[in-house]
Amino acid sequence: MFERLREYWLPCALFLATLGSAGALAGLVAIAPLLTFEGKPFSKLIGLFANDFVVRRTAIGAAVGLAVTAFVFFRPKGFFFARKPRSHATPDQIAGA
């Protein structure tokens, strides 16, 4: 039971949480300019994301990095984007001394 939790459900939860964080960060960058009313932002954080170009660019880069991290490290077996099984070479096929 714990083996299935460790091998399938935990990577699946981490994969979805990391992709969700990346989506939330990119969504904040996309929606922040819409949340300013008459030049006055809803909060200081929203105003920072709405007006500062460097913060927006850094947040988009961080979102892309989180998405890549999710696909490289947390992709569980049997999930939507599952890894393809590798064909391991048998000892007969290895060249050497």
Protein backbone atom coordinates (compact mmCIF):
# COMPACT_ATOMS: atom_id res chain seq x y z
CA MET A 1 0.00 0.00 0.00
CA PHE A 2 2.72 2.47 0.96
CA GLU A 3 4.72 1.45 -2.10
CA ARG A 4 1.88 2.49 -4.41
CA LEU A 5 1.53 5.74 -2.49
CA ARG A 6 5.25 6.43 -2.85
CA GLU A 7 5.59 5.35 -6.48
CA TYR A 8 2.38 6.72 -8.00
CA TRP A 9 0.34 9.09 -5.84
CA LEU A 10 3.14 11.22 -4.39
CA PRO A 11 4.78 11.96 -7.78
CA CYS A 12 1.33 12.59 -9.24
CA ALA A 13 0.47 15.07 -6.47
CA LEU A 14 3.84 16.81 -6.76
CA PHE A 15 3.50 16.96 -10.55
CA LEU A 16 0.06 18.55 -10.35
CA ALA A 17 1.07 20.93 -7.54
CA THR A 18 4.13 22.13 -9.46
CA LEU A 19 2.14 22.61 -12.67
CA GLY A 20 -0.58 24.38 -10.68
CA SER A 21 1.99 26.74 -9.15
CA ALA A 22 3.39 27.51 -12.60
CA GLY A 23 -0.10 28.16 -13.93
CA ALA A 24 -0.99 30.38 -10.99
CA LEU A 25 2.16 32.43 -11.44
CA ALA A 26 1.58 32.86 -15.17
CA GLY A 27 -2.09 33.64 -14.49
CA LEU A 28 -1.13 36.33 -12.00
CA VAL A 29 1.06 37.94 -14.64
CA ALA A 30 -1.77 37.79 -17.18
CA ILE A 31 -4.55 39.01 -14.89
CA ALA A 32 -2.67 41.65 -12.85
CA PRO A 33 -3.10 44.47 -15.39
CA LEU A 34 -6.85 43.82 -15.42
CA LEU A 35 -7.08 44.22 -11.64
CA THR A 36 -5.99 47.85 -11.63
CA PHE A 37 -8.93 50.25 -11.41
CA GLU A 38 -8.35 53.79 -12.72
CA GLY A 39 -4.60 53.44 -12.33
CA LYS A 40 -4.90 52.32 -8.70
CA PRO A 41 -4.08 48.64 -8.07
CA PHE A 42 -6.09 46.33 -5.82
CA SER A 43 -3.01 45.73 -3.65
CA LYS A 44 0.70 46.55 -3.75
CA LEU A 45 1.59 43.05 -4.97
CA ILE A 46 -0.93 43.25 -7.82
CA GLY A 47 0.41 46.70 -8.68
CA LEU A 48 3.94 45.34 -8.80
CA PHE A 49 2.92 42.55 -11.19
CA ALA A 50 0.84 44.97 -13.26
CA ASN A 51 3.43 47.71 -13.70
CA ASP A 52 6.96 46.31 -13.35
CA PHE A 53 8.30 44.74 -16.55
CA VAL A 54 11.24 43.03 -14.80
CA VAL A 55 8.96 41.33 -12.26
CA ARG A 56 6.64 40.13 -15.03
CA ARG A 57 9.49 38.73 -17.11
CA THR A 58 11.05 37.02 -14.07
CA ALA A 59 7.69 35.51 -13.08
CA ILE A 60 7.16 34.10 -16.58
CA GLY A 61 10.67 32.60 -16.50
CA ALA A 62 9.98 31.08 -13.09
CA ALA A 63 6.68 29.62 -14.34
CA VAL A 64 8.44 28.00 -17.30
CA GLY A 65 11.11 26.66 -14.93
CA LEU A 66 8.46 25.17 -12.65
CA ALA A 67 6.72 23.50 -15.58
CA VAL A 68 10.00 21.99 -16.79
CA THR A 69 10.76 20.81 -13.25
CA ALA A 70 7.38 19.10 -13.08
CA PHE A 71 7.93 17.24 -16.34
CA VAL A 72 11.53 16.25 -15.58
CA PHE A 73 11.36 15.24 -11.92
CA PHE A 74 7.76 14.54 -10.89
CA ARG A 75 6.22 12.79 -13.89
CA PRO A 76 4.68 9.61 -12.39
CA LYS A 77 4.46 6.23 -14.04
CA GLY A 78 1.16 5.56 -15.77
CA PHE A 79 0.18 9.22 -15.81
CA PHE A 80 -0.80 11.29 -18.84
CA PHE A 81 2.74 12.15 -19.92
CA ALA A 82 4.38 8.96 -18.69
CA ARG A 83 7.98 8.12 -19.37
CA LYS A 84 8.70 5.57 -22.03
CA PRO A 85 10.41 2.46 -20.68
CA ARG A 86 14.07 2.33 -21.53
CA SER A 87 15.59 -0.72 -23.10
CA HIS A 88 18.55 -1.69 -20.96
CA ALA A 89 21.48 -3.40 -22.60
CA THR A 90 22.14 -6.92 -21.45
CA PRO A 91 25.66 -7.80 -20.27
CA ASP A 92 26.22 -9.71 -23.53
CA GLN A 93 25.94 -6.50 -25.55
CA ILE A 94 28.41 -4.41 -23.59
CA ALA A 95 31.83 -3.89 -25.15
CA GLY A 96 34.83 -3.76 -22.92
CA ALA A 97 37.55 -5.73 -21.22
